Amino acid sequence: MTHRFIATLLLAVTFAVPALAADESDKPQMPAKPSAEGMQITQSPYSAAKTVTRFENVVRNQGLTVFDTIDHAAGAASANLILPATTLVIFGNPKAGTPLMQCSRTVAIDLPSKALIWRENGKTWIGVNDMDYLAARHNMTDCPAVPKVADKLKQVVGQTVAR
């Protein structure tokens, strides 16, 4: 019985001492930028609400349509849950989307385009689908519309976050 107690105590000390001695550098650090496979994520210098407004204005000024804006934080609040600013903007244009669907009909599951704007760790982020990811997902890497849509998404996001 005594040997079992001593062995247990030694095991506990073996694992506890290094944990107690760990300093701040051993703690996992939050990434400087969130990441998600298949998304292009850019930091916005504006609040989430202002970024949403700017994005919608840029989209409209580019001749695209804002089909809907979904405020997930408001939805959470209606269920008595808390979610920091998280808004999805659904937008597009048949002139851009149709050529993608002509290359691969399955890409329609990812259309219209979407932008996610959210607040995390004191920063505002805007994310859109990565067109290279979608091209690979839908087996349309040789589709001539992919780089055109990718360029348009980059332009719209760039104008949204510009100072």
N, C-alpha and C. Protein backbone atom coordinates (compact mmCIF):
# COMPACT_ATOMS: atom_id res chain seq x y z
N MET A 1 0.82 -1.18 0.00
CA MET A 1 0.00 0.00 0.00
C MET A 1 0.87 1.25 0.00
N THR A 2 1.92 1.27 0.83
CA THR A 2 2.80 2.43 0.92
C THR A 2 3.54 2.64 -0.39
N HIS A 3 3.97 1.55 -1.02
CA HIS A 3 4.69 1.67 -2.29
C HIS A 3 3.78 2.24 -3.38
N ARG A 4 2.52 1.82 -3.37
CA ARG A 4 1.56 2.32 -4.35
C ARG A 4 1.33 3.82 -4.14
N PHE A 5 1.22 4.24 -2.88
CA PHE A 5 1.02 5.66 -2.56
C PHE A 5 2.23 6.48 -3.02
N ILE A 6 3.42 6.00 -2.75
CA ILE A 6 4.64 6.72 -3.13
C ILE A 6 4.76 6.79 -4.66
N ALA A 7 4.43 5.71 -5.34
CA ALA A 7 4.49 5.70 -6.80
C ALA A 7 3.50 6.70 -7.38
N THR A 8 2.30 6.75 -6.83
CA THR A 8 1.29 7.70 -7.28
C THR A 8 1.74 9.13 -7.03
N LEU A 9 2.31 9.37 -5.86
CA LEU A 9 2.80 10.70 -5.52
C LEU A 9 3.92 11.13 -6.47
N LEU A 10 4.83 10.22 -6.77
CA LEU A 10 5.92 10.54 -7.70
C LEU A 10 5.39 10.87 -9.10
N LEU A 11 4.40 10.11 -9.55
CA LEU A 11 3.80 10.40 -10.84
C LEU A 11 3.14 11.78 -10.85
N ALA A 12 2.43 12.09 -9.80
CA ALA A 12 1.75 13.39 -9.71
C ALA A 12 2.77 14.52 -9.73
N VAL A 13 3.83 14.38 -8.98
CA VAL A 13 4.87 15.42 -8.92
C VAL A 13 5.56 15.54 -10.27
N THR A 14 5.82 14.42 -10.94
CA THR A 14 6.49 14.42 -12.23
C THR A 14 5.72 15.25 -13.26
N PHE A 15 4.40 15.12 -13.24
CA PHE A 15 3.59 15.86 -14.21
C PHE A 15 3.23 17.26 -13.74
N ALA A 16 3.13 17.47 -12.46
CA ALA A 16 2.70 18.77 -11.94
C ALA A 16 3.81 19.80 -11.94
N VAL A 17 5.02 19.43 -11.60
CA VAL A 17 6.11 20.40 -11.47
C VAL A 17 6.39 21.12 -12.79
N PRO A 18 6.51 20.41 -13.93
CA PRO A 18 6.74 21.15 -15.17
C PRO A 18 5.60 22.11 -15.49
N ALA A 19 4.38 21.73 -15.20
CA ALA A 19 3.24 22.61 -15.47
C ALA A 19 3.30 23.84 -14.58
N LEU A 20 3.70 23.68 -13.34
CA LEU A 20 3.80 24.82 -12.45
C LEU A 20 4.94 25.74 -12.85
N ALA A 21 5.98 25.18 -13.43
CA ALA A 21 7.15 25.98 -13.80
C ALA A 21 6.98 26.67 -15.15
N ALA A 22 5.98 26.30 -15.90
CA ALA A 22 5.80 26.88 -17.23
C ALA A 22 5.57 28.38 -17.13
N ASP A 23 6.16 29.11 -18.06
CA ASP A 23 5.94 30.56 -18.06
C ASP A 23 4.99 30.92 -19.20
N GLU A 24 4.76 32.21 -19.39
CA GLU A 24 3.80 32.69 -20.38
C GLU A 24 4.15 32.23 -21.81
N SER A 25 5.44 32.06 -22.09
CA SER A 25 5.84 31.69 -23.44
C SER A 25 5.40 30.27 -23.79
N ASP A 26 5.07 29.46 -22.79
CA ASP A 26 4.62 28.11 -23.04
C ASP A 26 3.13 28.03 -23.34
N LYS A 27 2.41 29.12 -23.09
CA LYS A 27 0.97 29.12 -23.33
C LYS A 27 0.71 29.29 -24.83
N PRO A 28 -0.33 28.62 -25.33
CA PRO A 28 -0.64 28.81 -26.75
C PRO A 28 -1.03 30.26 -27.03
N GLN A 29 -0.53 30.79 -28.12
CA GLN A 29 -0.81 32.16 -28.50
C GLN A 29 -1.97 32.17 -29.50
N MET A 30 -2.81 33.20 -29.40
CA MET A 30 -3.88 33.37 -30.38
C MET A 30 -3.24 33.75 -31.71
N PRO A 31 -3.71 33.17 -32.81
CA PRO A 31 -3.14 33.55 -34.10
C PRO A 31 -3.41 35.02 -34.40
N ALA A 32 -2.46 35.65 -35.08
CA ALA A 32 -2.61 37.06 -35.42
C ALA A 32 -3.77 37.25 -36.39
N LYS A 33 -4.03 36.23 -37.19
CA LYS A 33 -5.09 36.31 -38.20
C LYS A 33 -5.85 34.99 -38.18
N PRO A 34 -7.18 35.04 -38.12
CA PRO A 34 -7.94 33.80 -38.18
C PRO A 34 -7.74 33.11 -39.53
N SER A 35 -7.94 31.82 -39.55
CA SER A 35 -7.82 31.11 -40.82
C SER A 35 -8.93 30.07 -40.91
N ALA A 36 -9.34 29.83 -42.11
CA ALA A 36 -10.33 28.80 -42.40
C ALA A 36 -10.05 28.31 -43.81
N GLU A 37 -9.99 27.02 -43.97
CA GLU A 37 -9.70 26.47 -45.28
C GLU A 37 -10.72 26.97 -46.30
N GLY A 38 -10.22 27.45 -47.42
CA GLY A 38 -11.09 27.89 -48.49
C GLY A 38 -11.58 29.32 -48.39
N MET A 39 -11.02 30.07 -47.43
CA MET A 39 -11.42 31.48 -47.30
C MET A 39 -10.23 32.40 -47.44
N GLN A 40 -10.47 33.55 -48.02
CA GLN A 40 -9.50 34.65 -48.05
C GLN A 40 -9.94 35.61 -46.95
N ILE A 41 -9.11 35.82 -45.95
CA ILE A 41 -9.49 36.64 -44.79
C ILE A 41 -8.60 37.87 -44.72
N THR A 42 -9.23 39.03 -44.54
CA THR A 42 -8.54 40.31 -44.49
C THR A 42 -9.02 41.09 -43.28
N GLN A 43 -8.09 41.74 -42.60
CA GLN A 43 -8.47 42.57 -41.46
C GLN A 43 -9.01 43.91 -41.97
N SER A 44 -10.06 44.38 -41.31
CA SER A 44 -10.64 45.68 -41.63
C SER A 44 -10.26 46.66 -40.53
N PRO A 45 -9.92 47.89 -40.89
CA PRO A 45 -9.60 48.89 -39.87
C PRO A 45 -10.87 49.50 -39.25
N TYR A 46 -12.03 49.08 -39.72
CA TYR A 46 -13.29 49.66 -39.28
C TYR A 46 -14.03 48.71 -38.34
N SER A 47 -15.05 49.23 -37.69
CA SER A 47 -15.92 48.38 -36.87
C SER A 47 -16.63 47.38 -37.79
N ALA A 48 -17.20 46.36 -37.20
CA ALA A 48 -17.92 45.37 -38.01
C ALA A 48 -19.09 46.04 -38.73
N ALA A 49 -19.86 46.86 -38.02
CA ALA A 49 -21.02 47.51 -38.64
C ALA A 49 -20.59 48.41 -39.80
N LYS A 50 -19.53 49.17 -39.61
CA LYS A 50 -19.07 50.06 -40.68
C LYS A 50 -18.51 49.24 -41.84
N THR A 51 -17.85 48.14 -41.55
CA THR A 51 -17.32 47.28 -42.61
C THR A 51 -18.46 46.70 -43.44
N VAL A 52 -19.54 46.27 -42.79
CA VAL A 52 -20.71 45.76 -43.51
C VAL A 52 -21.26 46.84 -44.44
N THR A 53 -21.45 48.03 -43.91
CA THR A 53 -22.00 49.13 -44.72
C THR A 53 -21.07 49.45 -45.89
N ARG A 54 -19.78 49.55 -45.62
CA ARG A 54 -18.82 49.84 -46.68
C ARG A 54 -18.85 48.74 -47.74
N PHE A 55 -18.87 47.49 -47.30
CA PHE A 55 -18.87 46.37 -48.24
C PHE A 55 -20.11 46.42 -49.13
N GLU A 56 -21.28 46.61 -48.53
CA GLU A 56 -22.51 46.67 -49.31
C GLU A 56 -22.46 47.82 -50.32
N ASN A 57 -21.93 48.96 -49.92
CA ASN A 57 -21.81 50.11 -50.83
C ASN A 57 -20.85 49.82 -51.97
N VAL A 58 -19.72 49.23 -51.66
CA VAL A 58 -18.75 48.89 -52.72
C VAL A 58 -19.36 47.89 -53.69
N VAL A 59 -20.03 46.87 -53.17
CA VAL A 59 -20.66 45.87 -54.02
C VAL A 59 -21.65 46.53 -54.98
N ARG A 60 -22.51 47.38 -54.45
CA ARG A 60 -23.51 48.05 -55.29
C ARG A 60 -22.83 48.97 -56.32
N ASN A 61 -21.79 49.68 -55.90
CA ASN A 61 -21.08 50.58 -56.82
C ASN A 61 -20.37 49.82 -57.93
N GLN A 62 -20.08 48.54 -57.70
CA GLN A 62 -19.44 47.69 -58.72
C GLN A 62 -20.46 47.05 -59.65
N GLY A 63 -21.75 47.39 -59.45
CA GLY A 63 -22.79 46.83 -60.31
C GLY A 63 -23.27 45.45 -59.88
N LEU A 64 -22.92 45.05 -58.67
CA LEU A 64 -23.36 43.77 -58.15
C LEU A 64 -24.60 43.98 -57.30
N THR A 65 -25.28 42.91 -56.97
CA THR A 65 -26.50 42.96 -56.18
C THR A 65 -26.25 42.39 -54.79
N VAL A 66 -26.73 43.10 -53.78
CA VAL A 66 -26.75 42.55 -52.42
C VAL A 66 -28.10 41.86 -52.28
N PHE A 67 -28.07 40.53 -52.20
CA PHE A 67 -29.31 39.77 -52.12
C PHE A 67 -29.86 39.72 -50.70
N ASP A 68 -28.97 39.65 -49.73
CA ASP A 68 -29.43 39.59 -48.34
C ASP A 68 -28.25 39.86 -47.42
N THR A 69 -28.57 40.33 -46.23
CA THR A 69 -27.59 40.52 -45.16
C THR A 69 -28.15 39.83 -43.92
N ILE A 70 -27.40 38.90 -43.40
CA ILE A 70 -27.85 38.12 -42.26
C ILE A 70 -27.01 38.47 -41.04
N ASP A 71 -27.64 39.02 -40.03
CA ASP A 71 -26.97 39.40 -38.79
C ASP A 71 -27.08 38.23 -37.81
N HIS A 72 -26.05 37.42 -37.77
CA HIS A 72 -26.07 36.24 -36.90
C HIS A 72 -26.08 36.62 -35.42
N ALA A 73 -25.48 37.74 -35.06
CA ALA A 73 -25.49 38.19 -33.66
C ALA A 73 -26.92 38.52 -33.23
N ALA A 74 -27.68 39.15 -34.12
CA ALA A 74 -29.08 39.45 -33.81
C ALA A 74 -29.88 38.17 -33.67
N GLY A 75 -29.60 37.20 -34.53
CA GLY A 75 -30.27 35.90 -34.42
C GLY A 75 -29.95 35.22 -33.10
N ALA A 76 -28.70 35.29 -32.70
CA ALA A 76 -28.31 34.70 -31.41
C ALA A 76 -29.04 35.40 -30.27
N ALA A 77 -29.09 36.73 -30.34
CA ALA A 77 -29.77 37.49 -29.28
C ALA A 77 -31.24 37.11 -29.18
N SER A 78 -31.87 36.82 -30.33
CA SER A 78 -33.29 36.45 -30.30
C SER A 78 -33.49 35.08 -29.64
N ALA A 79 -32.43 34.31 -29.52
CA ALA A 79 -32.48 33.02 -28.83
C ALA A 79 -31.87 33.12 -27.43
N ASN A 80 -31.69 34.36 -26.96
CA ASN A 80 -31.07 34.62 -25.65
C ASN A 80 -29.66 34.06 -25.55
N LEU A 81 -28.93 34.14 -26.66
CA LEU A 81 -27.53 33.72 -26.71
C LEU A 81 -26.68 34.92 -27.10
N ILE A 82 -25.41 34.84 -26.78
CA ILE A 82 -24.50 35.95 -27.07
C ILE A 82 -23.54 35.53 -28.17
N LEU A 83 -23.43 36.37 -29.18
CA LEU A 83 -22.49 36.16 -30.26
C LEU A 83 -21.97 37.53 -30.66
N PRO A 84 -20.65 37.73 -30.65
CA PRO A 84 -20.13 39.02 -31.11
C PRO A 84 -20.54 39.26 -32.57
N ALA A 85 -20.38 40.48 -33.01
CA ALA A 85 -20.77 40.87 -34.37
C ALA A 85 -20.32 39.82 -35.39
N THR A 86 -21.30 39.27 -36.10
CA THR A 86 -21.04 38.25 -37.12
C THR A 86 -22.13 38.41 -38.18
N THR A 87 -21.76 38.92 -39.34
CA THR A 87 -22.74 39.23 -40.39
C THR A 87 -22.32 38.59 -41.70
N LEU A 88 -23.29 37.98 -42.36
CA LEU A 88 -23.07 37.38 -43.67
C LEU A 88 -23.77 38.22 -44.72
N VAL A 89 -23.03 38.65 -45.74
CA VAL A 89 -23.61 39.41 -46.84
C VAL A 89 -23.59 38.50 -48.07
N ILE A 90 -24.77 38.30 -48.66
CA ILE A 90 -24.91 37.46 -49.84
C ILE A 90 -25.06 38.39 -51.04
N PHE A 91 -24.19 38.22 -52.03
CA PHE A 91 -24.14 39.17 -53.14
C PHE A 91 -23.71 38.47 -54.42
N GLY A 92 -23.90 39.13 -55.53
CA GLY A 92 -23.43 38.56 -56.79
C GLY A 92 -24.00 39.25 -57.99
N ASN A 93 -23.81 38.57 -59.13
CA ASN A 93 -24.23 39.10 -60.41
C ASN A 93 -24.27 37.92 -61.39
N PRO A 94 -25.37 37.74 -62.12
CA PRO A 94 -25.44 36.63 -63.08
C PRO A 94 -24.33 36.65 -64.12
N LYS A 95 -23.81 37.85 -64.45
CA LYS A 95 -22.73 37.92 -65.44
C LYS A 95 -21.45 37.28 -64.92
N ALA A 96 -21.28 37.25 -63.59
CA ALA A 96 -20.11 36.62 -63.00
C ALA A 96 -20.39 35.17 -62.63
N GLY A 97 -21.54 34.91 -62.07
CA GLY A 97 -21.87 33.57 -61.59
C GLY A 97 -22.18 32.57 -62.68
N THR A 98 -22.88 33.00 -63.72
CA THR A 98 -23.28 32.08 -64.78
C THR A 98 -22.08 31.42 -65.47
N PRO A 99 -21.03 32.18 -65.85
CA PRO A 99 -19.87 31.52 -66.46
C PRO A 99 -19.22 30.48 -65.53
N LEU A 100 -19.26 30.72 -64.23
CA LEU A 100 -18.74 29.71 -63.30
C LEU A 100 -19.59 28.45 -63.37
N MET A 101 -20.92 28.62 -63.38
CA MET A 101 -21.82 27.47 -63.43
C MET A 101 -21.77 26.76 -64.77
N GLN A 102 -21.40 27.49 -65.84
CA GLN A 102 -21.24 26.84 -67.14
C GLN A 102 -20.02 25.92 -67.13
N CYS A 103 -19.04 26.25 -66.30
CA CYS A 103 -17.86 25.38 -66.16
C CYS A 103 -18.16 24.17 -65.29
N SER A 104 -18.95 24.37 -64.25
CA SER A 104 -19.32 23.27 -63.36
C SER A 104 -20.61 23.63 -62.65
N ARG A 105 -21.64 22.89 -62.92
CA ARG A 105 -22.94 23.17 -62.33
C ARG A 105 -22.91 23.08 -60.82
N THR A 106 -22.04 22.25 -60.25
CA THR A 106 -22.03 22.07 -58.79
C THR A 106 -21.57 23.32 -58.04
N VAL A 107 -20.90 24.24 -58.71
CA VAL A 107 -20.47 25.47 -58.03
C VAL A 107 -21.67 26.30 -57.59
N ALA A 108 -22.83 26.01 -58.13
CA ALA A 108 -24.04 26.74 -57.74
C ALA A 108 -24.33 26.60 -56.25
N ILE A 109 -23.85 25.54 -55.62
CA ILE A 109 -24.04 25.38 -54.17
C ILE A 109 -23.30 26.48 -53.41
N ASP A 110 -22.26 27.05 -54.00
CA ASP A 110 -21.47 28.11 -53.37
C ASP A 110 -21.81 29.50 -53.89
N LEU A 111 -22.85 29.59 -54.69
CA LEU A 111 -23.27 30.88 -55.23
C LEU A 111 -24.68 31.20 -54.74
N PRO A 112 -25.07 32.45 -54.64
CA PRO A 112 -24.26 33.63 -54.88
C PRO A 112 -23.07 33.71 -53.90
N SER A 113 -22.19 34.62 -54.21
CA SER A 113 -21.01 34.82 -53.36
C SER A 113 -21.44 35.32 -51.99
N LYS A 114 -20.56 35.11 -51.03
CA LYS A 114 -20.84 35.53 -49.65
C LYS A 114 -19.60 36.18 -49.07
N ALA A 115 -19.85 37.15 -48.20
CA ALA A 115 -18.77 37.75 -47.40
C ALA A 115 -19.18 37.62 -45.94
N LEU A 116 -18.28 37.17 -45.13
CA LEU A 116 -18.51 37.07 -43.69
C LEU A 116 -17.70 38.17 -43.02
N ILE A 117 -18.38 38.98 -42.23
CA ILE A 117 -17.72 40.08 -41.52
C ILE A 117 -17.97 39.85 -40.04
N TRP A 118 -16.88 39.80 -39.26
CA TRP A 118 -17.03 39.49 -37.85
C TRP A 118 -15.98 40.19 -37.00
N ARG A 119 -16.28 40.22 -35.73
CA ARG A 119 -15.39 40.83 -34.73
C ARG A 119 -14.84 39.70 -33.86
N GLU A 120 -13.51 39.69 -33.70
CA GLU A 120 -12.87 38.65 -32.90
C GLU A 120 -11.58 39.20 -32.30
N ASN A 121 -11.44 39.02 -30.99
CA ASN A 121 -10.24 39.47 -30.28
C ASN A 121 -9.92 40.94 -30.55
N GLY A 122 -10.97 41.76 -30.56
CA GLY A 122 -10.79 43.21 -30.72
C GLY A 122 -10.50 43.66 -32.14
N LYS A 123 -10.62 42.77 -33.11
CA LYS A 123 -10.35 43.13 -34.50
C LYS A 123 -11.55 42.74 -35.37
N THR A 124 -11.69 43.46 -36.48
CA THR A 124 -12.75 43.16 -37.44
C THR A 124 -12.12 42.46 -38.64
N TRP A 125 -12.81 41.42 -39.11
CA TRP A 125 -12.31 40.61 -40.22
C TRP A 125 -13.38 40.51 -41.29
N ILE A 126 -12.93 40.38 -42.53
CA ILE A 126 -13.84 40.11 -43.64
C ILE A 126 -13.27 38.92 -44.40
N GLY A 127 -14.12 37.95 -44.65
CA GLY A 127 -13.69 36.75 -45.35
C GLY A 127 -14.62 36.45 -46.52
N VAL A 128 -14.01 36.03 -47.61
CA VAL A 128 -14.77 35.60 -48.79
C VAL A 128 -14.21 34.24 -49.23
N ASN A 129 -14.98 33.54 -50.04
CA ASN A 129 -14.49 32.27 -50.54
C ASN A 129 -13.26 32.46 -51.41
N ASP A 130 -12.31 31.56 -51.27
CA ASP A 130 -11.11 31.54 -52.10
C ASP A 130 -11.49 30.86 -53.41
N MET A 131 -11.40 31.57 -54.51
CA MET A 131 -11.84 31.02 -55.79
C MET A 131 -10.99 29.83 -56.24
N ASP A 132 -9.70 29.81 -55.89
CA ASP A 132 -8.88 28.64 -56.24
C ASP A 132 -9.39 27.40 -55.49
N TYR A 133 -9.78 27.60 -54.25
CA TYR A 133 -10.35 26.50 -53.46
C TYR A 133 -11.64 26.00 -54.11
N LEU A 134 -12.53 26.95 -54.48
CA LEU A 134 -13.78 26.54 -55.11
C LEU A 134 -13.53 25.87 -56.46
N ALA A 135 -12.56 26.37 -57.20
CA ALA A 135 -12.23 25.76 -58.50
C ALA A 135 -11.78 24.31 -58.31
N ALA A 136 -10.95 24.07 -57.31
CA ALA A 136 -10.51 22.70 -57.04
C ALA A 136 -11.68 21.85 -56.54
N ARG A 137 -12.48 22.42 -55.66
CA ARG A 137 -13.62 21.68 -55.09
C ARG A 137 -14.58 21.23 -56.19
N HIS A 138 -14.78 22.08 -57.19
CA HIS A 138 -15.76 21.79 -58.23
C HIS A 138 -15.12 21.35 -59.55
N ASN A 139 -13.85 20.96 -59.49
CA ASN A 139 -13.13 20.43 -60.64
C ASN A 139 -13.24 21.36 -61.86
N MET A 140 -12.91 22.63 -61.62
CA MET A 140 -12.99 23.62 -62.70
C MET A 140 -11.77 24.53 -62.68
N THR A 141 -10.60 23.94 -62.42
CA THR A 141 -9.38 24.74 -62.32
C THR A 141 -9.01 25.40 -63.64
N ASP A 142 -9.52 24.88 -64.77
CA ASP A 142 -9.22 25.49 -66.06
C ASP A 142 -10.32 26.44 -66.53
N CYS A 143 -11.26 26.76 -65.68
CA CYS A 143 -12.37 27.64 -66.04
C CYS A 143 -11.87 29.08 -66.17
N PRO A 144 -12.06 29.72 -67.32
CA PRO A 144 -11.56 31.08 -67.50
C PRO A 144 -12.26 32.12 -66.63
N ALA A 145 -13.43 31.81 -66.09
CA ALA A 145 -14.14 32.76 -65.24
C ALA A 145 -13.55 32.84 -63.83
N VAL A 146 -12.84 31.81 -63.40
CA VAL A 146 -12.33 31.77 -62.02
C VAL A 146 -11.42 32.96 -61.71
N PRO A 147 -10.38 33.22 -62.51
CA PRO A 147 -9.51 34.36 -62.16
C PRO A 147 -10.24 35.71 -62.24
N LYS A 148 -11.22 35.82 -63.12
CA LYS A 148 -11.97 37.07 -63.22
C LYS A 148 -12.77 37.32 -61.94
N VAL A 149 -13.44 36.29 -61.45
CA VAL A 149 -14.22 36.44 -60.22
C VAL A 149 -13.29 36.64 -59.03
N ALA A 150 -12.16 35.93 -59.01
CA ALA A 150 -11.18 36.10 -57.93
C ALA A 150 -10.69 37.55 -57.89
N ASP A 151 -10.39 38.11 -59.04
CA ASP A 151 -9.94 39.51 -59.10
C ASP A 151 -11.01 40.47 -58.60
N LYS A 152 -12.26 40.22 -58.98
CA LYS A 152 -13.36 41.08 -58.55
C LYS A 152 -13.53 41.01 -57.03
N LEU A 153 -13.46 39.80 -56.46
CA LEU A 153 -13.57 39.66 -55.01
C LEU A 153 -12.45 40.41 -54.29
N LYS A 154 -11.24 40.27 -54.81
CA LYS A 154 -10.09 40.96 -54.22
C LYS A 154 -10.28 42.47 -54.29
N GLN A 155 -10.79 42.94 -55.41
CA GLN A 155 -11.02 44.38 -55.59
C GLN A 155 -12.09 44.89 -54.62
N VAL A 156 -13.19 44.17 -54.49
CA VAL A 156 -14.28 44.59 -53.62
C VAL A 156 -13.82 44.61 -52.15
N VAL A 157 -13.12 43.57 -51.73
CA VAL A 157 -12.62 43.54 -50.35
C VAL A 157 -11.59 44.64 -50.13
N GLY A 158 -10.70 44.83 -51.10
CA GLY A 158 -9.68 45.88 -50.98
C GLY A 158 -10.28 47.26 -50.83
N GLN A 159 -11.30 47.56 -51.61
CA GLN A 159 -11.95 48.86 -51.51
C GLN A 159 -12.70 49.00 -50.19
N THR A 160 -13.22 47.89 -49.69
CA THR A 160 -13.96 47.94 -48.42
C THR A 160 -13.06 48.30 -47.26
N VAL A 161 -11.86 47.77 -47.24
CA VAL A 161 -10.97 47.98 -46.10
C VAL A 161 -10.00 49.14 -46.30
N ALA A 162 -10.03 49.77 -47.48
CA ALA A 162 -9.12 50.90 -47.74
C ALA A 162 -9.46 52.07 -46.81
N ARG A 163 -8.43 52.79 -46.42
CA ARG A 163 -8.63 53.99 -45.58
C ARG A 163 -8.83 55.20 -46.43
